[in-house]
Amino acid sequence: MVIPVGERYQQNLYLFQKIDGKLVREALRSTLFVPMTGEAEERRQVQPDPANPSIRNGDFEEVGADAESPAGWHYQRQLKLITDGDAPSGKNYVTFTNSEPGRGCRALQGFGVDGREVERLRLTVNVRGQEIRPGIFGRDLPAAVVTFYDENRATVGEAFMGPWRGTFPWQRQSATLDVPLRAREAILRIGLLGAVGEISFDAIQLEADRGN
């Protein structure tokens, strides 16, 4: 299945957080990509390779300093790190729960991807849903969304897996995503994305699709 780049989730390029009953827009790209440059970048044990894109800690086994959140994921909202025997891979997975339509509920990770080297990405996830319903708008549903940026970090395209709704058990899903030629970086976004209910993710894998 090939998912074309489009504008299906364009409204989610800017993230909002509810503060004192008001939606406040959060800065996203300028801060999320900071760890990919400068001194912090030099200290990374595994340097990003735009010709071979990948996701760090897609199985959520590596935890942060607080031991309660997965390492490598940013802007975590309404995310809970679960450790039990129900995980499809390893011992950990993440669950997003939201009861207020439109409220921020997601996690993000930036990665390098060069559209001159990589024409398509293969995205694979384990996903489970519980009573998922649209948020304020009918299009507000959970998905795994990849937003692409050029060398100036201007948006040049978007592709996604999903959306998901209703209740369903753990299932393994894969999709092929087209990469814009001008892409140099990207952000993967997972979560309810404004919907209500509960969604869980595990064993997220992303790699260049070098098939025929």
Foldseek 3Di string as FASTA:
>chain_A
DEWEWDCLPVVPPWDWAQDPNDTDTDDDDVPQCVCLDDPNQVPDPDHFDQLKKKAPCQQQPDPDPVNFHGPQKPPADQKGWDADPQRPDDGIWIKHADDAFQHDHKIKHKGWHALQNFFKKKKKKWKWFAQKAHGPDRSQFWWWKKWFAAPVGDTDTITIGDRDHHGDGIDMDMYMYGDDNRGTMMMIMGTGRRIHGMMMIRDIIMTGDPDD
